[in-house]
Structures are given as C-alpha cells and as structure tokens.
C-alpha cells in the first residue's frame, strides 16, 4: 500500500520509514522503475548516507558499499562506470 503523495506524510519517522521501504523494494526489484529514476534515487541515498558530494572517487567507492543500484539497472547500460557517472551527475546537484 502506497499513498498518492509523500506530502500526506506528516511525521518525520513515517517519512523516513517510507523512504527506507521504497529504497529496499527498488533495490530488491519488487518495484519496477526506469533506470534514470534509479540513478536519481541512488543520489538521494548517497546524500542521506554520506552527506554532500566530495569527489568522484569517494562516490564510486560508496556506491559499491551501499545497496543503491539494482542489478536490472546495471544490466540495461553499457558499464558500471556509466551508471556511476549518471548517479554522480545527480548527486552533484544535491547540497545540504
């Protein structure tokens, strides 16, 4: 069961649980999403877990440790580096 909009959620704990559940379902491929959305969501996972962007090398290392890119998204693209570059592109836009 998912709500129409996250804006209906008022409690911070509920918002965090919603985020964690969605992240888990996407990673386990229980929810099918476009790979570009996966890259954007991976950037939010990095922002939540690691804070602001620091360097490409650090982000690439962090992406290997965090459950952020589902196997299906990796299979759809030419290389892991391409996927990481797309995530980094989104991640650089996030601050604070």
PDB file of N, CA and C in Angstrom:
ATOM      1  N   UNK A   1       0.850  -1.181   0.000  1.00  0.00           N
ATOM      2  CA  UNK A   1       0.000   0.000   0.000  1.00  0.00           C
ATOM      3  C   UNK A   1       0.890   1.237   0.000  1.00  0.00           C
ATOM      4  N   UNK A   2       0.683   2.096  -0.956  1.00  0.00           N
ATOM      5  CA  UNK A   2       1.427   3.360  -1.020  1.00  0.00           C
ATOM      6  C   UNK A   2       0.449   4.511  -1.171  1.00  0.00           C
ATOM      7  N   UNK A   3       0.789   5.617  -0.570  1.00  0.00           N
ATOM      8  CA  UNK A   3      -0.060   6.798  -0.650  1.00  0.00           C
ATOM      9  C   UNK A   3       0.171   7.519  -1.975  1.00  0.00           C
ATOM     10  N   UNK A   4      -0.774   8.395  -2.332  1.00  0.00           N
ATOM     11  CA  UNK A   4      -0.675   9.137  -3.590  1.00  0.00           C
ATOM     12  C   UNK A   4       0.526  10.066  -3.622  1.00  0.00           C
ATOM     13  N   UNK A   5       0.796  10.707  -2.515  1.00  0.00           N
ATOM     14  CA  UNK A   5       1.882  11.681  -2.455  1.00  0.00           C
ATOM     15  C   UNK A   5       2.534  11.645  -1.082  1.00  0.00           C
ATOM     16  N   UNK A   6       3.839  11.776  -1.078  1.00  0.00           N
ATOM     17  CA  UNK A   6       4.562  11.784   0.201  1.00  0.00           C
ATOM     18  C   UNK A   6       4.194  13.012   1.029  1.00  0.00           C
ATOM     19  N   UNK A   7       3.616  14.017   0.395  1.00  0.00           N
ATOM     20  CA  UNK A   7       3.222  15.234   1.119  1.00  0.00           C
ATOM     21  C   UNK A   7       2.138  14.955   2.163  1.00  0.00           C
ATOM     22  N   UNK A   8       1.440  13.814   2.043  1.00  0.00           N
ATOM     23  CA  UNK A   8       0.442  13.443   3.046  1.00  0.00           C
ATOM     24  C   UNK A   8       1.077  12.965   4.342  1.00  0.00           C
ATOM     25  N   UNK A   9       2.332  12.601   4.298  1.00  0.00           N
ATOM     26  CA  UNK A   9       3.022  12.130   5.492  1.00  0.00           C
ATOM     27  C   UNK A   9       3.462  13.330   6.323  1.00  0.00           C
ATOM     28  N   UNK A  10       3.117  13.317   7.590  1.00  0.00           N
ATOM     29  CA  UNK A  10       3.408  14.463   8.461  1.00  0.00           C
ATOM     30  C   UNK A  10       4.544  14.184   9.445  1.00  0.00           C
ATOM     31  N   UNK A  11       4.632  12.966   9.929  1.00  0.00           N
ATOM     32  CA  UNK A  11       5.607  12.621  10.950  1.00  0.00           C
ATOM     33  C   UNK A  11       6.960  12.282  10.314  1.00  0.00           C
ATOM     34  N   UNK A  12       8.049  12.826  10.848  1.00  0.00           N
ATOM     35  CA  UNK A  12       9.386  12.568  10.296  1.00  0.00           C
ATOM     36  C   UNK A  12       9.752  11.094  10.302  1.00  0.00           C
ATOM     37  N   UNK A  13       9.361  10.387  11.332  1.00  0.00           N
ATOM     38  CA  UNK A  13       9.670   8.952  11.407  1.00  0.00           C
ATOM     39  C   UNK A  13       8.938   8.190  10.298  1.00  0.00           C
ATOM     40  N   UNK A  14       7.707   8.574  10.014  1.00  0.00           N
ATOM     41  CA  UNK A  14       6.939   7.930   8.947  1.00  0.00           C
ATOM     42  C   UNK A  14       7.575   8.198   7.589  1.00  0.00           C
ATOM     43  N   UNK A  15       8.037   9.411   7.371  1.00  0.00           N
ATOM     44  CA  UNK A  15       8.700   9.766   6.113  1.00  0.00           C
ATOM     45  C   UNK A  15       9.970   8.943   5.945  1.00  0.00           C
ATOM     46  N   UNK A  16      10.746   8.806   7.017  1.00  0.00           N
ATOM     47  CA  UNK A  16      11.977   8.024   6.950  1.00  0.00           C
ATOM     48  C   UNK A  16      11.677   6.548   6.669  1.00  0.00           C
ATOM     49  N   UNK A  17      10.674   5.999   7.322  1.00  0.00           N
ATOM     50  CA  UNK A  17      10.301   4.603   7.079  1.00  0.00           C
ATOM     51  C   UNK A  17       9.803   4.400   5.650  1.00  0.00           C
ATOM     52  N   UNK A  18       9.056   5.365   5.125  1.00  0.00           N
ATOM     53  CA  UNK A  18       8.590   5.292   3.742  1.00  0.00           C
ATOM     54  C   UNK A  18       9.785   5.256   2.791  1.00  0.00           C
ATOM     55  N   UNK A  19      10.753   6.139   3.020  1.00  0.00           N
ATOM     56  CA  UNK A  19      11.966   6.193   2.198  1.00  0.00           C
ATOM     57  C   UNK A  19      12.725   4.870   2.254  1.00  0.00           C
ATOM     58  N   UNK A  20      12.935   4.348   3.453  1.00  0.00           N
ATOM     59  CA  UNK A  20      13.689   3.099   3.615  1.00  0.00           C
ATOM     60  C   UNK A  20      12.968   1.923   2.955  1.00  0.00           C
ATOM     61  N   UNK A  21      11.647   1.882   3.076  1.00  0.00           N
ATOM     62  CA  UNK A  21      10.887   0.811   2.446  1.00  0.00           C
ATOM     63  C   UNK A  21      10.954   0.904   0.929  1.00  0.00           C
ATOM     64  N   UNK A  22      10.784   2.102   0.389  1.00  0.00           N
ATOM     65  CA  UNK A  22      10.852   2.286  -1.061  1.00  0.00           C
ATOM     66  C   UNK A  22      12.241   1.919  -1.575  1.00  0.00           C
ATOM     67  N   UNK A  23      13.284   2.356  -0.859  1.00  0.00           N
ATOM     68  CA  UNK A  23      14.661   2.039  -1.249  1.00  0.00           C
ATOM     69  C   UNK A  23      14.878   0.532  -1.299  1.00  0.00           C
ATOM     70  N   UNK A  24      14.410  -0.171  -0.306  1.00  0.00           N
ATOM     71  CA  UNK A  24      14.563  -1.614  -0.238  1.00  0.00           C
ATOM     72  C   UNK A  24      13.802  -2.309  -1.374  1.00  0.00           C
ATOM     73  N   UNK A  25      12.581  -1.885  -1.616  1.00  0.00           N
ATOM     74  CA  UNK A  25      11.765  -2.507  -2.670  1.00  0.00           C
ATOM     75  C   UNK A  25      12.358  -2.282  -4.056  1.00  0.00           C
ATOM     76  N   UNK A  26      12.913  -1.113  -4.288  1.00  0.00           N
ATOM     77  CA  UNK A  26      13.524  -0.831  -5.587  1.00  0.00           C
ATOM     78  C   UNK A  26      14.799  -1.647  -5.749  1.00  0.00           C
ATOM     79  N   UNK A  27      15.623  -1.707  -4.697  1.00  0.00           N
ATOM     80  CA  UNK A  27      16.868  -2.469  -4.771  1.00  0.00           C
ATOM     81  C   UNK A  27      16.603  -3.958  -4.995  1.00  0.00           C
ATOM     82  N   UNK A  28      15.573  -4.478  -4.339  1.00  0.00           N
ATOM     83  CA  UNK A  28      15.221  -5.897  -4.495  1.00  0.00           C
ATOM     84  C   UNK A  28      14.417  -6.156  -5.760  1.00  0.00           C
ATOM     85  N   UNK A  29      14.167  -5.093  -6.528  1.00  0.00           N
ATOM     86  CA  UNK A  29      13.428  -5.144  -7.790  1.00  0.00           C
ATOM     87  C   UNK A  29      11.985  -5.606  -7.614  1.00  0.00           C
ATOM     88  N   UNK A  30      11.395  -5.277  -6.456  1.00  0.00           N
ATOM     89  CA  UNK A  30       9.980  -5.550  -6.224  1.00  0.00           C
ATOM     90  C   UNK A  30       9.122  -4.462  -6.859  1.00  0.00           C
ATOM     91  N   UNK A  31       9.717  -3.284  -7.022  1.00  0.00           N
ATOM     92  CA  UNK A  31       9.073  -2.163  -7.699  1.00  0.00           C
ATOM     93  C   UNK A  31       9.905  -1.876  -8.939  1.00  0.00           C
ATOM     94  N   UNK A  32       9.254  -1.847 -10.085  1.00  0.00           N
ATOM     95  CA  UNK A  32       9.946  -1.604 -11.349  1.00  0.00           C
ATOM     96  C   UNK A  32       9.968  -0.101 -11.632  1.00  0.00           C
ATOM     97  N   UNK A  33      11.152   0.471 -11.743  1.00  0.00           N
ATOM     98  CA  UNK A  33      11.289   1.897 -12.060  1.00  0.00           C
ATOM     99  C   UNK A  33      12.293   2.072 -13.194  1.00  0.00           C
ATOM    100  N   UNK A  34      12.129   3.155 -13.912  1.00  0.00           N
ATOM    101  CA  UNK A  34      13.031   3.497 -15.002  1.00  0.00           C
ATOM    102  C   UNK A  34      14.449   3.687 -14.456  1.00  0.00           C
ATOM    103  N   UNK A  35      15.451   3.294 -15.231  1.00  0.00           N
ATOM    104  CA  UNK A  35      16.832   3.373 -14.742  1.00  0.00           C
ATOM    105  C   UNK A  35      17.261   4.806 -14.428  1.00  0.00           C
ATOM    106  N   UNK A  36      16.749   5.784 -15.153  1.00  0.00           N
ATOM    107  CA  UNK A  36      17.107   7.179 -14.851  1.00  0.00           C
ATOM    108  C   UNK A  36      16.590   7.578 -13.470  1.00  0.00           C
ATOM    109  N   UNK A  37      15.421   7.082 -13.106  1.00  0.00           N
ATOM    110  CA  UNK A  37      14.873   7.330 -11.769  1.00  0.00           C
ATOM    111  C   UNK A  37      15.735   6.616 -10.728  1.00  0.00           C
ATOM    112  N   UNK A  38      16.210   5.412 -11.048  1.00  0.00           N
ATOM    113  CA  UNK A  38      17.092   4.669 -10.144  1.00  0.00           C
ATOM    114  C   UNK A  38      18.356   5.482  -9.867  1.00  0.00           C
ATOM    115  N   UNK A  39      18.929   6.099 -10.909  1.00  0.00           N
ATOM    116  CA  UNK A  39      20.137   6.901 -10.731  1.00  0.00           C
ATOM    117  C   UNK A  39      19.868   8.102  -9.829  1.00  0.00           C
ATOM    118  N   UNK A  40      18.733   8.737 -10.031  1.00  0.00           N
ATOM    119  CA  UNK A  40      18.385   9.882  -9.195  1.00  0.00           C
ATOM    120  C   UNK A  40      18.160   9.453  -7.744  1.00  0.00           C
ATOM    121  N   UNK A  41      17.449   8.344  -7.560  1.00  0.00           N
ATOM    122  CA  UNK A  41      17.219   7.846  -6.207  1.00  0.00           C
ATOM    123  C   UNK A  41      18.527   7.421  -5.534  1.00  0.00           C
ATOM    124  N   UNK A  42      19.442   6.846  -6.300  1.00  0.00           N
ATOM    125  CA  UNK A  42      20.753   6.474  -5.748  1.00  0.00           C
ATOM    126  C   UNK A  42      21.488   7.709  -5.250  1.00  0.00           C
ATOM    127  N   UNK A  43      21.320   8.825  -5.943  1.00  0.00           N
ATOM    128  CA  UNK A  43      21.970  10.060  -5.483  1.00  0.00           C
ATOM    129  C   UNK A  43      21.376  10.518  -4.150  1.00  0.00           C
ATOM    130  N   UNK A  44      20.060  10.324  -3.979  1.00  0.00           N
ATOM    131  CA  UNK A  44      19.442  10.666  -2.695  1.00  0.00           C
ATOM    132  C   UNK A  44      19.923   9.731  -1.586  1.00  0.00           C
ATOM    133  N   UNK A  45      20.127   8.463  -1.917  1.00  0.00           N
ATOM    134  CA  UNK A  45      20.653   7.506  -0.940  1.00  0.00           C
ATOM    135  C   UNK A  45      22.046   7.945  -0.492  1.00  0.00           C
ATOM    136  N   UNK A  46      22.873   8.355  -1.442  1.00  0.00           N
ATOM    137  CA  UNK A  46      24.211   8.847  -1.101  1.00  0.00           C
ATOM    138  C   UNK A  46      24.126  10.102  -0.232  1.00  0.00           C
ATOM    139  N   UNK A  47      23.225  11.001  -0.589  1.00  0.00           N
ATOM    140  CA  UNK A  47      23.062  12.242   0.184  1.00  0.00           C
ATOM    141  C   UNK A  47      22.640  11.929   1.609  1.00  0.00           C
ATOM    142  N   UNK A  48      21.716  10.994   1.743  1.00  0.00           N
ATOM    143  CA  UNK A  48      21.227  10.617   3.066  1.00  0.00           C
ATOM    144  C   UNK A  48      22.318   9.928   3.880  1.00  0.00           C
ATOM    145  N   UNK A  49      23.077   9.053   3.252  1.00  0.00           N
ATOM    146  CA  UNK A  49      24.068   8.248   3.975  1.00  0.00           C
ATOM    147  C   UNK A  49      25.410   8.950   4.158  1.00  0.00           C
ATOM    148  N   UNK A  50      25.826   9.731   3.165  1.00  0.00           N
ATOM    149  CA  UNK A  50      27.183  10.275   3.170  1.00  0.00           C
ATOM    150  C   UNK A  50      27.265  11.795   3.191  1.00  0.00           C
ATOM    151  N   UNK A  51      26.142  12.480   3.060  1.00  0.00           N
ATOM    152  CA  UNK A  51      26.172  13.941   3.053  1.00  0.00           C
ATOM    153  C   UNK A  51      26.487  14.480   1.668  1.00  0.00           C
ATOM    154  N   UNK A  52      26.999  15.692   1.621  1.00  0.00           N
ATOM    155  CA  UNK A  52      27.261  16.372   0.354  1.00  0.00           C
ATOM    156  C   UNK A  52      28.369  15.700  -0.453  1.00  0.00           C
ATOM    157  N   UNK A  53      28.328  15.931  -1.759  1.00  0.00           N
ATOM    158  CA  UNK A  53      29.312  15.396  -2.691  1.00  0.00           C
ATOM    159  C   UNK A  53      30.713  15.852  -2.303  1.00  0.00           C
ATOM    160  N   UNK A  54      31.681  14.919  -2.386  1.00  0.00           N
ATOM    161  CA  UNK A  54      33.063  15.284  -2.076  1.00  0.00           C
ATOM    162  C   UNK A  54      33.969  15.075  -3.287  1.00  0.00           C
ATOM    163  N   UNK A  55      33.991  13.865  -3.845  1.00  0.00           N
ATOM    164  CA  UNK A  55      34.810  13.605  -5.031  1.00  0.00           C
ATOM    165  C   UNK A  55      34.272  12.381  -5.760  1.00  0.00           C
ATOM    166  N   UNK A  56      34.595  12.282  -7.037  1.00  0.00           N
ATOM    167  CA  UNK A  56      34.136  11.147  -7.841  1.00  0.00           C
ATOM    168  C   UNK A  56      34.617   9.819  -7.282  1.00  0.00           C
ATOM    169  N   UNK A  57      35.886   9.761  -6.846  1.00  0.00           N
ATOM    170  CA  UNK A  57      36.456   8.514  -6.342  1.00  0.00           C
ATOM    171  C   UNK A  57      35.738   8.038  -5.084  1.00  0.00           C
ATOM    172  N   UNK A  58      35.445   8.971  -4.187  1.00  0.00           N
ATOM    173  CA  UNK A  58      34.756   8.624  -2.945  1.00  0.00           C
ATOM    174  C   UNK A  58      33.348   8.121  -3.256  1.00  0.00           C
ATOM    175  N   UNK A  59      32.662   8.795  -4.175  1.00  0.00           N
ATOM    176  CA  UNK A  59      31.305   8.394  -4.541  1.00  0.00           C
ATOM    177  C   UNK A  59      31.306   7.005  -5.163  1.00  0.00           C
ATOM    178  N   UNK A  60      32.241   6.736  -6.050  1.00  0.00           N
ATOM    179  CA  UNK A  60      32.314   5.410  -6.682  1.00  0.00           C
ATOM    180  C   UNK A  60      32.534   4.324  -5.625  1.00  0.00           C
ATOM    181  N   UNK A  61      33.384   4.604  -4.653  1.00  0.00           N
ATOM    182  CA  UNK A  61      33.632   3.660  -3.573  1.00  0.00           C
ATOM    183  C   UNK A  61      32.376   3.462  -2.726  1.00  0.00           C
ATOM    184  N   UNK A  62      31.707   4.557  -2.406  1.00  0.00           N
ATOM    185  CA  UNK A  62      30.486   4.477  -1.600  1.00  0.00           C
ATOM    186  C   UNK A  62      29.377   3.717  -2.327  1.00  0.00           C
ATOM    187  N   UNK A  63      29.262   3.917  -3.634  1.00  0.00           N
ATOM    188  CA  UNK A  63      28.233   3.216  -4.401  1.00  0.00           C
ATOM    189  C   UNK A  63      28.426   1.701  -4.371  1.00  0.00           C
ATOM    190  N   UNK A  64      29.658   1.269  -4.292  1.00  0.00           N
ATOM    191  CA  UNK A  64      29.934  -0.169  -4.231  1.00  0.00           C
ATOM    192  C   UNK A  64      29.531  -0.765  -2.870  1.00  0.00           C
ATOM    193  N   UNK A  65      29.515   0.083  -1.842  1.00  0.00           N
ATOM    194  CA  UNK A  65      29.194  -0.377  -0.494  1.00  0.00           C
ATOM    195  C   UNK A  65      27.704  -0.284  -0.167  1.00  0.00           C
ATOM    196  N   UNK A  66      27.006   0.682  -0.773  1.00  0.00           N
ATOM    197  CA  UNK A  66      25.597   0.912  -0.456  1.00  0.00           C
ATOM    198  C   UNK A  66      24.686   0.145  -1.416  1.00  0.00           C
ATOM    199  N   UNK A  67      23.557  -0.356  -0.912  1.00  0.00           N
ATOM    200  CA  UNK A  67      22.596  -1.001  -1.811  1.00  0.00           C
ATOM    201  C   UNK A  67      21.780   0.066  -2.537  1.00  0.00           C
ATOM    202  N   UNK A  68      22.343   0.601  -3.633  1.00  0.00           N
ATOM    203  CA  UNK A  68      21.688   1.711  -4.320  1.00  0.00           C
ATOM    204  C   UNK A  68      21.335   1.409  -5.768  1.00  0.00           C
ATOM    205  N   UNK A  69      22.088   0.539  -6.419  1.00  0.00           N
ATOM    206  CA  UNK A  69      21.855   0.253  -7.841  1.00  0.00           C
ATOM    207  C   UNK A  69      21.413  -1.198  -8.017  1.00  0.00           C
ATOM    208  N   UNK A  70      20.132  -1.411  -8.347  1.00  0.00           N
ATOM    209  CA  UNK A  70      19.666  -2.778  -8.564  1.00  0.00           C
ATOM    210  C   UNK A  70      20.312  -3.413  -9.799  1.00  0.00           C
ATOM    211  N   UNK A  71      20.399  -4.714  -9.799  1.00  0.00           N
ATOM    212  CA  UNK A  71      21.039  -5.457 -10.878  1.00  0.00           C
ATOM    213  C   UNK A  71      20.431  -5.134 -12.238  1.00  0.00           C
ATOM    214  N   UNK A  72      19.121  -5.003 -12.304  1.00  0.00           N
ATOM    215  CA  UNK A  72      18.457  -4.739 -13.584  1.00  0.00           C
ATOM    216  C   UNK A  72      18.920  -3.428 -14.198  1.00  0.00           C
ATOM    217  N   UNK A  73      19.095  -2.400 -13.392  1.00  0.00           N
ATOM    218  CA  UNK A  73      19.569  -1.113 -13.913  1.00  0.00           C
ATOM    219  C   UNK A  73      20.984  -1.247 -14.455  1.00  0.00           C
ATOM    220  N   UNK A  74      21.805  -2.045 -13.805  1.00  0.00           N
ATOM    221  CA  UNK A  74      23.178  -2.251 -14.264  1.00  0.00           C
ATOM    222  C   UNK A  74      23.210  -3.030 -15.574  1.00  0.00           C
ATOM    223  N   UNK A  75      22.281  -3.971 -15.743  1.00  0.00           N
ATOM    224  CA  UNK A  75      22.237  -4.780 -16.961  1.00  0.00           C
ATOM    225  C   UNK A  75      21.788  -3.973 -18.179  1.00  0.00           C
ATOM    226  N   UNK A  76      21.010  -2.921 -17.951  1.00  0.00           N
ATOM    227  CA  UNK A  76      20.453  -2.131 -19.048  1.00  0.00           C
ATOM    228  C   UNK A  76      21.456  -1.173 -19.687  1.00  0.00           C
ATOM    229  N   UNK A  77      22.593  -0.983 -19.052  1.00  0.00           N
ATOM    230  CA  UNK A  77      23.541   0.032 -19.518  1.00  0.00           C
ATOM    231  C   UNK A  77      24.900  -0.575 -19.828  1.00  0.00           C
ATOM    232  N   UNK A  78      25.692   0.139 -20.639  1.00  0.00           N
ATOM    233  CA  UNK A  78      26.940  -0.436 -21.153  1.00  0.00           C
ATOM    234  C   UNK A  78      27.974  -0.806 -20.093  1.00  0.00           C
ATOM    235  N   UNK A  79      28.013  -0.080 -18.988  1.00  0.00           N
ATOM    236  CA  UNK A  79      29.041  -0.379 -17.981  1.00  0.00           C
ATOM    237  C   UNK A  79      28.646   0.168 -16.622  1.00  0.00           C
ATOM    238  N   UNK A  80      29.329  -0.341 -15.608  1.00  0.00           N
ATOM    239  CA  UNK A  80      29.135   0.163 -14.252  1.00  0.00           C
ATOM    240  C   UNK A  80      29.565   1.624 -14.176  1.00  0.00           C
ATOM    241  N   UNK A  81      30.647   1.977 -14.862  1.00  0.00           N
ATOM    242  CA  UNK A  81      31.144   3.360 -14.850  1.00  0.00           C
ATOM    243  C   UNK A  81      30.092   4.321 -15.386  1.00  0.00           C
ATOM    244  N   UNK A  82      29.355   3.913 -16.427  1.00  0.00           N
ATOM    245  CA  UNK A  82      28.297   4.762 -16.971  1.00  0.00           C
ATOM    246  C   UNK A  82      27.228   5.012 -15.905  1.00  0.00           C
ATOM    247  N   UNK A  83      26.816   3.957 -15.218  1.00  0.00           N
ATOM    248  CA  UNK A  83      25.803   4.083 -14.166  1.00  0.00           C
ATOM    249  C   UNK A  83      26.298   4.989 -13.043  1.00  0.00           C
ATOM    250  N   UNK A  84      27.539   4.795 -12.641  1.00  0.00           N
ATOM    251  CA  UNK A  84      28.109   5.638 -11.588  1.00  0.00           C
ATOM    252  C   UNK A  84      28.161   7.096 -12.029  1.00  0.00           C
ATOM    253  N   UNK A  85      28.526   7.342 -13.274  1.00  0.00           N
ATOM    254  CA  UNK A  85      28.576   8.715 -13.788  1.00  0.00           C
ATOM    255  C   UNK A  85      27.206   9.379 -13.742  1.00  0.00           C
ATOM    256  N   UNK A  86      26.165   8.631 -14.078  1.00  0.00           N
ATOM    257  CA  UNK A  86      24.801   9.185 -14.051  1.00  0.00           C
ATOM    258  C   UNK A  86      24.404   9.518 -12.612  1.00  0.00           C
ATOM    259  N   UNK A  87      24.748   8.649 -11.666  1.00  0.00           N
ATOM    260  CA  UNK A  87      24.437   8.913 -10.259  1.00  0.00           C
ATOM    261  C   UNK A  87      25.206  10.149  -9.788  1.00  0.00           C
ATOM    262  N   UNK A  88      26.482  10.229 -10.136  1.00  0.00           N
ATOM    263  CA  UNK A  88      27.315  11.366  -9.732  1.00  0.00           C
ATOM    264  C   UNK A  88      26.748  12.672 -10.272  1.00  0.00           C
ATOM    265  N   UNK A  89      26.264  12.635 -11.494  1.00  0.00           N
ATOM    266  CA  UNK A  89      25.671  13.819 -12.104  1.00  0.00           C
ATOM    267  C   UNK A  89      24.500  14.347 -11.258  1.00  0.00           C
ATOM    268  N   UNK A  90      23.642  13.430 -10.816  1.00  0.00           N
ATOM    269  CA  UNK A  90      22.517  13.819  -9.970  1.00  0.00           C
ATOM    270  C   UNK A  90      22.997  14.243  -8.578  1.00  0.00           C
ATOM    271  N   UNK A  91      23.959  13.523  -8.050  1.00  0.00           N
ATOM    272  CA  UNK A  91      24.459  13.760  -6.687  1.00  0.00           C
ATOM    273  C   UNK A  91      25.094  15.144  -6.557  1.00  0.00           C
ATOM    274  N   UNK A  92      25.776  15.583  -7.575  1.00  0.00           N
ATOM    275  CA  UNK A  92      26.420  16.911  -7.530  1.00  0.00           C
ATOM    276  C   UNK A  92      25.399  18.030  -7.362  1.00  0.00           C
ATOM    277  N   UNK A  93      24.165  17.803  -7.778  1.00  0.00           N
ATOM    278  CA  UNK A  93      23.114  18.823  -7.688  1.00  0.00           C
ATOM    279  C   UNK A  93      22.541  18.943  -6.284  1.00  0.00           C
ATOM    280  N   UNK A  94      22.796  17.943  -5.456  1.00  0.00           N
ATOM    281  CA  UNK A  94      22.226  17.919  -4.110  1.00  0.00           C
ATOM    282  C   UNK A  94      23.196  18.548  -3.113  1.00  0.00           C
ATOM    283  N   UNK A  95      22.717  19.470  -2.342  1.00  0.00           N
ATOM    284  CA  UNK A  95      23.531  20.088  -1.280  1.00  0.00           C
ATOM    285  C   UNK A  95      22.655  20.339  -0.059  1.00  0.00           C
ATOM    286  N   UNK A  96      23.240  20.112   1.109  1.00  0.00           N
ATOM    287  CA  UNK A  96      22.563  20.448   2.341  1.00  0.00           C
ATOM    288  C   UNK A  96      21.541  19.489   2.820  1.00  0.00           C
TER     289      UNK A  96
END
